[in-house]
Amino acid sequence: MDLAYVSDITANCDWNHVIVNRHPLAPNSPFNAAPDLFLHGIIAEYLYQYLELQKEMSNV
C-alpha cells in the first residue's frame, strides 16, 4: 500500500508519517515479514476508518 498516493488523493499529508519502508529499492528482510504484515493490517484498518469518517462528514 503506497500511502503517498493516499496523501495525494485525500489532499492530507498526515499519512506520510505512517510510511515504513521509505526506500522501496531496499527490500526488507524476509525474517521481518510477520511484523510487516501486522503493520500493513493495522494501517489498512486505520485508513479504512479514516475514509469512512470522511465519507460521513461529507454527507452531513
C-alpha atoms as a PDB file:
ATOM      1  CA  MET A   1       0.000   0.000   0.000  1.00  0.00           C
ATOM      2  CA  ASP A   2       1.514   3.262  -1.039  1.00  0.00           C
ATOM      3  CA  LEU A   3       0.376   5.896   1.395  1.00  0.00           C
ATOM      4  CA  ALA A   4       1.971   8.649  -0.692  1.00  0.00           C
ATOM      5  CA  TYR A   5      -0.865   8.078  -3.184  1.00  0.00           C
ATOM      6  CA  VAL A   6      -3.403   8.240  -0.360  1.00  0.00           C
ATOM      7  CA  SER A   7      -1.911  11.569   0.703  1.00  0.00           C
ATOM      8  CA  ASP A   8      -2.285  12.891  -2.843  1.00  0.00           C
ATOM      9  CA  ILE A   9      -5.839  11.613  -3.305  1.00  0.00           C
ATOM     10  CA  THR A  10      -7.154  12.844   0.041  1.00  0.00           C
ATOM     11  CA  ALA A  11      -5.067  16.062  -0.007  1.00  0.00           C
ATOM     12  CA  ASN A  12      -3.999  15.178   3.526  1.00  0.00           C
ATOM     13  CA  CYS A  13      -0.269  14.778   4.181  1.00  0.00           C
ATOM     14  CA  ASP A  14      -0.835  13.350   7.665  1.00  0.00           C
ATOM     15  CA  TRP A  15      -0.390   9.880   6.139  1.00  0.00           C
ATOM     16  CA  ASN A  16       3.290  10.457   5.409  1.00  0.00           C
ATOM     17  CA  HIS A  17       4.331   9.649   8.986  1.00  0.00           C
ATOM     18  CA  VAL A  18       2.927   6.125   8.594  1.00  0.00           C
ATOM     19  CA  ILE A  19       5.192   5.157   5.671  1.00  0.00           C
ATOM     20  CA  VAL A  20       7.505   2.430   6.976  1.00  0.00           C
ATOM     21  CA  ASN A  21       9.713   1.460   4.036  1.00  0.00           C
ATOM     22  CA  ARG A  22      10.896   4.834   2.824  1.00  0.00           C
ATOM     23  CA  HIS A  23      13.196   3.400   0.148  1.00  0.00           C
ATOM     24  CA  PRO A  24      11.361   0.821  -1.977  1.00  0.00           C
ATOM     25  CA  LEU A  25      14.564  -0.403  -3.675  1.00  0.00           C
ATOM     26  CA  ALA A  26      15.968  -1.542  -0.325  1.00  0.00           C
ATOM     27  CA  PRO A  27      13.824  -4.601   0.457  1.00  0.00           C
ATOM     28  CA  ASN A  28      13.052  -5.700   3.973  1.00  0.00           C
ATOM     29  CA  SER A  29      14.360  -8.976   5.291  1.00  0.00           C
ATOM     30  CA  PRO A  30      12.010 -11.972   4.936  1.00  0.00           C
ATOM     31  CA  PHE A  31      12.536 -12.551   8.648  1.00  0.00           C
ATOM     32  CA  ASN A  32      10.664  -9.299   9.234  1.00  0.00           C
ATOM     33  CA  ALA A  33       7.602 -10.475   7.261  1.00  0.00           C
ATOM     34  CA  ALA A  34       5.315 -11.087  10.250  1.00  0.00           C
ATOM     35  CA  PRO A  35       5.730  -7.613  11.794  1.00  0.00           C
ATOM     36  CA  ASP A  36       5.409  -6.045   8.333  1.00  0.00           C
ATOM     37  CA  LEU A  37       2.165  -7.918   7.691  1.00  0.00           C
ATOM     38  CA  PHE A  38       0.845  -6.886  11.098  1.00  0.00           C
ATOM     39  CA  LEU A  39       1.668  -3.212  10.422  1.00  0.00           C
ATOM     40  CA  HIS A  40       0.068  -3.465   6.986  1.00  0.00           C
ATOM     41  CA  GLY A  41      -3.169  -4.735   8.559  1.00  0.00           C
ATOM     42  CA  ILE A  42      -3.211  -2.022  11.216  1.00  0.00           C
ATOM     43  CA  ILE A  43      -2.557   0.723   8.668  1.00  0.00           C
ATOM     44  CA  ALA A  44      -5.208  -0.656   6.288  1.00  0.00           C
ATOM     45  CA  GLU A  45      -7.810  -0.701   9.067  1.00  0.00           C
ATOM     46  CA  TYR A  46      -6.821   2.814  10.155  1.00  0.00           C
ATOM     47  CA  LEU A  47      -7.107   4.067   6.575  1.00  0.00           C
ATOM     48  CA  TYR A  48     -10.500   2.400   6.121  1.00  0.00           C
ATOM     49  CA  GLN A  49     -11.848   4.024   9.298  1.00  0.00           C
ATOM     50  CA  TYR A  50     -10.451   7.404   8.222  1.00  0.00           C
ATOM     51  CA  LEU A  51     -12.152   7.151   4.828  1.00  0.00           C
ATOM     52  CA  GLU A  52     -15.429   6.086   6.445  1.00  0.00           C
ATOM     53  CA  LEU A  53     -15.311   9.128   8.741  1.00  0.00           C
ATOM     54  CA  GLN A  54     -14.541  11.419   5.825  1.00  0.00           C
ATOM     55  CA  LYS A  55     -17.496   9.956   3.937  1.00  0.00           C
ATOM     56  CA  GLU A  56     -19.819  10.572   6.878  1.00  0.00           C
ATOM     57  CA  MET A  57     -18.570  14.141   7.274  1.00  0.00           C
ATOM     58  CA  SER A  58     -19.139  14.862   3.584  1.00  0.00           C
ATOM     59  CA  ASN A  59     -22.741  13.566   3.793  1.00  0.00           C
ATOM     60  CA  VAL A  60     -23.665  15.901   6.654  1.00  0.00           C
END
